[in-house]
Amino acid sequence: SAERRLFPTVQELGISLMAVHDLLILRASTLRLCNKYQESRREFSKASSKARLQELLLTSVSPRDKKRKFGLLSSSP
């Protein structure tokens, strides 16, 4: 039969199945790591853009206007 030609022994079939099993586990682990990496990048990007925006606001507002502008910003939803 075709199976006999592909895997001459049950032991070789078992080894092949174990290899496939290990590859599937490796793939799942890799996908989890990729998702965590993407999530971390999104959080970092969000935090850095927020910091950049605050820096721009602080440098563009004169000391006299700071209270008024930041008072408006903090009262908005």
Protein backbone atom coordinates (compact mmCIF):
# COMPACT_ATOMS: atom_id res chain seq x y z
CA SER A 1 0.00 0.00 0.00
CA ALA A 2 0.99 3.66 -0.39
CA GLU A 3 1.30 4.07 3.39
CA ARG A 4 3.83 1.24 3.51
CA ARG A 5 5.96 2.96 0.88
CA LEU A 6 5.80 6.33 2.67
CA PHE A 7 6.53 4.98 6.15
CA PRO A 8 8.21 1.56 6.11
CA THR A 9 7.92 1.18 9.87
CA VAL A 10 5.49 2.24 12.54
CA GLN A 11 8.45 3.82 14.33
CA GLU A 12 9.16 6.12 11.37
CA LEU A 13 5.48 7.07 11.22
CA GLY A 14 5.58 7.90 14.94
CA ILE A 15 8.72 10.00 14.52
CA SER A 16 7.10 11.91 11.64
CA LEU A 17 3.95 12.55 13.68
CA MET A 18 6.03 13.78 16.62
CA ALA A 19 7.89 16.16 14.28
CA VAL A 20 4.59 17.54 12.95
CA HIS A 21 3.33 17.90 16.52
CA ASP A 22 6.47 19.82 17.54
CA LEU A 23 6.15 22.09 14.50
CA LEU A 24 2.53 22.89 15.38
CA ILE A 25 3.53 23.77 18.95
CA LEU A 26 6.37 25.94 17.64
CA ARG A 27 3.98 27.70 15.26
CA ALA A 28 1.48 28.41 18.05
CA SER A 29 4.24 29.76 20.30
CA THR A 30 5.56 31.95 17.49
CA LEU A 31 2.10 33.37 16.81
CA ARG A 32 1.63 34.18 20.51
CA LEU A 33 5.00 35.94 20.61
CA CYS A 34 4.19 37.91 17.44
CA ASN A 35 0.85 39.01 18.88
CA LYS A 36 2.47 40.11 22.15
CA TYR A 37 5.13 42.01 20.20
CA GLN A 38 2.51 43.80 18.09
CA GLU A 39 0.51 44.67 21.20
CA SER A 40 3.62 46.06 22.90
CA ARG A 41 4.48 48.12 19.82
CA ARG A 42 0.94 49.58 19.75
CA GLU A 43 1.12 50.50 23.45
CA PHE A 44 4.58 52.02 23.00
CA SER A 45 3.43 53.98 19.96
CA LYS A 46 0.39 55.26 21.82
CA ALA A 47 2.46 56.30 24.84
CA SER A 48 5.17 57.99 22.76
CA SER A 49 2.67 59.92 20.64
CA LYS A 50 0.90 61.06 23.81
CA ALA A 51 4.24 62.20 25.27
CA ARG A 52 5.08 63.98 22.00
CA LEU A 53 1.72 65.75 22.02
CA GLN A 54 2.18 66.87 25.62
CA GLU A 55 5.68 68.10 24.81
CA LEU A 56 4.34 70.08 21.85
CA LEU A 57 1.59 71.57 23.97
CA LEU A 58 4.03 72.58 26.70
CA THR A 59 6.49 74.19 24.29
CA SER A 60 3.87 75.97 22.17
CA VAL A 61 1.88 77.53 25.02
CA SER A 62 3.14 80.65 26.74
CA PRO A 63 3.35 80.46 30.55
CA ARG A 64 0.45 82.91 30.93
CA ASP A 65 -1.86 80.84 28.68
CA LYS A 66 -0.89 77.45 30.12
CA LYS A 67 -3.42 77.50 32.94
CA ARG A 68 -6.27 78.50 30.67
CA LYS A 69 -5.49 75.94 27.92
CA PHE A 70 -4.77 73.04 30.27
CA GLY A 71 -7.87 73.88 32.26
CA LEU A 72 -9.89 73.48 29.05
CA LEU A 73 -8.08 70.25 28.13
CA SER A 74 -8.66 68.63 31.51
CA SER A 75 -12.36 69.50 31.50
CA SER A 76 -12.99 67.87 28.10
CA PRO A 77 -14.09 64.18 28.10
